[in-house]
């Protein structure tokens, strides 16, 4: 069963987008046979969820053109984005550890939702992101469904 982890932090402005999109898509994906977790965790805290899984999708915010949905398929790209997202502290290292222990998923994808401000403490998202949440959720849904229909033979992590 494919696993989708929606990540975010509700105390940071746009960083909560992963949690919001997860809530919007959870039932839909579960009805289609996916396992879905909506988490306020990061880095090594994700190992228990990811280790040994066949297919894993991680959905989280990254800084970029607001509303763009970006697919990150390999560890090197994830390392480049590490300083640009509050959740990637430890995720590349966690994946390397799982790979070394032969626990890495066969297929691992990070889907970045581009946001303006994932670092400011606030209970509101930026207005630009707030007005396109449903559009972003649909783009994330379509991205995951497309990737799931076209499985890879080997992980790129």
Protein backbone atom coordinates (compact mmCIF):
# COMPACT_ATOMS: atom_id res chain seq x y z
CA UNK A 1 0.00 0.00 0.00
CA UNK A 2 1.56 3.35 -1.00
CA UNK A 3 2.19 5.76 1.87
CA UNK A 4 1.66 9.52 1.66
CA UNK A 5 3.08 11.76 4.39
CA UNK A 6 1.72 15.29 4.44
CA UNK A 7 4.07 17.47 6.53
CA UNK A 8 3.74 20.92 8.00
CA UNK A 9 3.87 23.06 11.06
CA UNK A 10 0.74 24.99 12.04
CA UNK A 11 2.65 27.75 13.82
CA UNK A 12 4.53 28.84 10.68
CA UNK A 13 2.70 30.89 8.08
CA UNK A 14 2.81 29.02 4.75
CA UNK A 15 4.43 25.89 6.16
CA UNK A 16 0.99 24.68 7.25
CA UNK A 17 0.07 24.07 3.59
CA UNK A 18 1.10 20.40 3.77
CA UNK A 19 -1.28 19.84 6.68
CA UNK A 20 -4.15 21.65 4.96
CA UNK A 21 -3.69 19.83 1.66
CA UNK A 22 -3.43 16.55 3.57
CA UNK A 23 -6.76 17.18 5.27
CA UNK A 24 -8.36 17.99 1.92
CA UNK A 25 -7.03 14.83 0.23
CA UNK A 26 -6.88 12.26 3.07
CA UNK A 27 -10.29 10.61 2.55
CA UNK A 28 -9.96 10.65 -1.22
CA UNK A 29 -6.59 8.88 -1.15
CA UNK A 30 -7.63 6.41 1.55
CA UNK A 31 -10.68 5.42 -0.52
CA UNK A 32 -8.24 4.67 -3.36
CA UNK A 33 -6.08 2.38 -1.20
CA UNK A 34 -3.33 4.73 -0.03
CA UNK A 35 -2.14 4.97 3.56
CA UNK A 36 -2.15 8.65 4.59
CA UNK A 37 -0.48 10.36 7.54
CA UNK A 38 -0.72 14.08 8.31
CA UNK A 39 2.24 14.92 10.51
CA UNK A 40 3.96 17.74 12.34
CA UNK A 41 7.23 15.79 12.30
CA UNK A 42 10.47 15.94 10.34
CA UNK A 43 13.86 14.32 9.77
CA UNK A 44 14.68 11.24 11.83
CA UNK A 45 11.16 11.29 13.28
CA UNK A 46 9.93 10.09 9.89
CA UNK A 47 12.10 6.95 9.80
CA UNK A 48 9.48 4.83 11.60
CA UNK A 49 6.91 5.78 8.96
CA UNK A 50 9.16 5.41 5.89
CA UNK A 51 11.43 2.44 6.68
CA UNK A 52 10.59 -0.67 4.72
CA UNK A 53 7.79 0.89 2.68
CA UNK A 54 7.48 0.08 -1.03
CA UNK A 55 6.29 3.52 -2.24
CA UNK A 56 6.44 6.75 -0.22
CA UNK A 57 5.33 10.25 -1.14
CA UNK A 58 6.27 13.16 1.14
CA UNK A 59 4.34 16.39 0.61
CA UNK A 60 5.75 19.55 2.19
CA UNK A 61 6.37 23.24 1.58
CA UNK A 62 9.43 24.65 -0.14
CA UNK A 63 10.25 28.24 -1.00
CA UNK A 64 9.46 29.07 -4.61
CA UNK A 65 6.86 30.44 -7.00
CA UNK A 66 3.67 30.38 -4.90
CA UNK A 67 1.38 27.51 -5.83
CA UNK A 68 3.83 25.63 -8.02
CA UNK A 69 4.04 21.91 -7.26
CA UNK A 70 7.55 20.49 -7.69
CA UNK A 71 8.60 16.85 -7.85
CA UNK A 72 11.91 15.99 -6.17
CA UNK A 73 12.98 12.49 -7.15
CA UNK A 74 16.50 12.11 -5.82
CA UNK A 75 18.54 12.65 -2.70
CA UNK A 76 20.92 15.15 -4.31
CA UNK A 77 18.05 17.50 -5.22
CA UNK A 78 16.66 17.10 -1.71
CA UNK A 79 20.03 18.07 -0.23
CA UNK A 80 20.06 21.22 -2.36
CA UNK A 81 16.63 22.18 -1.01
CA UNK A 82 17.52 21.31 2.61
CA UNK A 83 18.16 24.90 3.77
CA UNK A 84 15.04 26.14 2.00
CA UNK A 85 12.45 24.20 4.03
CA UNK A 86 12.06 23.86 7.80
CA UNK A 87 11.21 20.15 7.47
CA UNK A 88 14.18 18.86 5.53
CA UNK A 89 16.55 19.16 8.44
CA UNK A 90 17.47 15.53 8.81
CA UNK A 91 15.39 14.04 5.97
CA UNK A 92 18.34 13.53 3.58
CA UNK A 93 20.34 12.01 6.44
CA UNK A 94 17.40 9.81 7.40
CA UNK A 95 17.13 8.52 3.84
CA UNK A 96 20.87 7.85 3.69
CA UNK A 97 20.62 5.91 6.96
CA UNK A 98 17.70 3.84 5.71
CA UNK A 99 19.54 3.18 2.45
CA UNK A 100 22.62 1.98 4.36
CA UNK A 101 20.44 -0.32 6.48
CA UNK A 102 18.56 -1.58 3.43
CA UNK A 103 15.31 -0.08 4.78
CA UNK A 104 14.80 2.60 2.12
CA UNK A 105 11.60 2.51 0.10
CA UNK A 106 11.89 1.23 -3.47
CA UNK A 107 10.21 4.41 -4.71
CA UNK A 108 10.50 7.67 -2.81
CA UNK A 109 9.22 11.04 -3.96
CA UNK A 110 9.07 14.46 -2.34
CA UNK A 111 6.38 16.74 -3.66
CA UNK A 112 7.17 20.33 -2.79
CA UNK A 113 4.42 22.90 -2.61
CA UNK A 114 6.07 26.22 -3.36
CA UNK A 115 5.24 28.93 -0.84
CA UNK A 116 6.24 32.48 -0.07
CA UNK A 117 6.94 32.32 3.65
CA UNK A 118 7.32 29.04 5.58
CA UNK A 119 9.37 30.67 8.37
CA UNK A 120 7.28 33.44 9.96
CA UNK A 121 5.34 32.48 13.06
CA UNK A 122 1.72 33.21 12.24
CA UNK A 123 -1.69 31.58 12.37
CA UNK A 124 -2.43 32.70 8.79
CA UNK A 125 -1.02 31.76 5.43
CA UNK A 126 0.04 34.39 2.92
CA UNK A 127 -3.00 35.69 0.98
CA UNK A 128 -1.54 34.48 -2.35
CA UNK A 129 -1.41 30.91 -1.09
CA UNK A 130 -4.70 31.03 0.81
CA UNK A 131 -6.67 31.84 -2.34
CA UNK A 132 -5.29 28.87 -4.32
CA UNK A 133 -5.34 26.08 -1.72
CA UNK A 134 -7.94 24.01 -3.60
CA UNK A 135 -6.01 24.39 -6.86
CA UNK A 136 -2.78 23.32 -5.13
CA UNK A 137 -4.50 20.31 -3.53
CA UNK A 138 -5.73 19.17 -6.95
CA UNK A 139 -2.24 19.54 -8.43
CA UNK A 140 -0.76 17.46 -5.60
CA UNK A 141 -3.46 14.82 -6.09
CA UNK A 142 -2.79 14.61 -9.82
CA UNK A 143 0.98 14.44 -9.29
CA UNK A 144 0.72 11.53 -6.84
CA UNK A 145 -1.79 9.65 -8.99
CA UNK A 146 0.41 10.03 -12.08
CA UNK A 147 3.52 8.87 -10.23
CA UNK A 148 1.65 5.94 -8.72
CA UNK A 149 0.44 4.83 -12.14
CA UNK A 150 3.99 4.98 -13.52
CA UNK A 151 6.06 3.20 -10.84
CA UNK A 152 9.82 3.29 -11.02
CA UNK A 153 11.96 0.16 -10.92
CA UNK A 154 14.42 1.49 -8.40
CA UNK A 155 14.61 4.27 -5.85
CA UNK A 156 16.71 7.27 -6.73
CA UNK A 157 17.78 7.96 -3.17
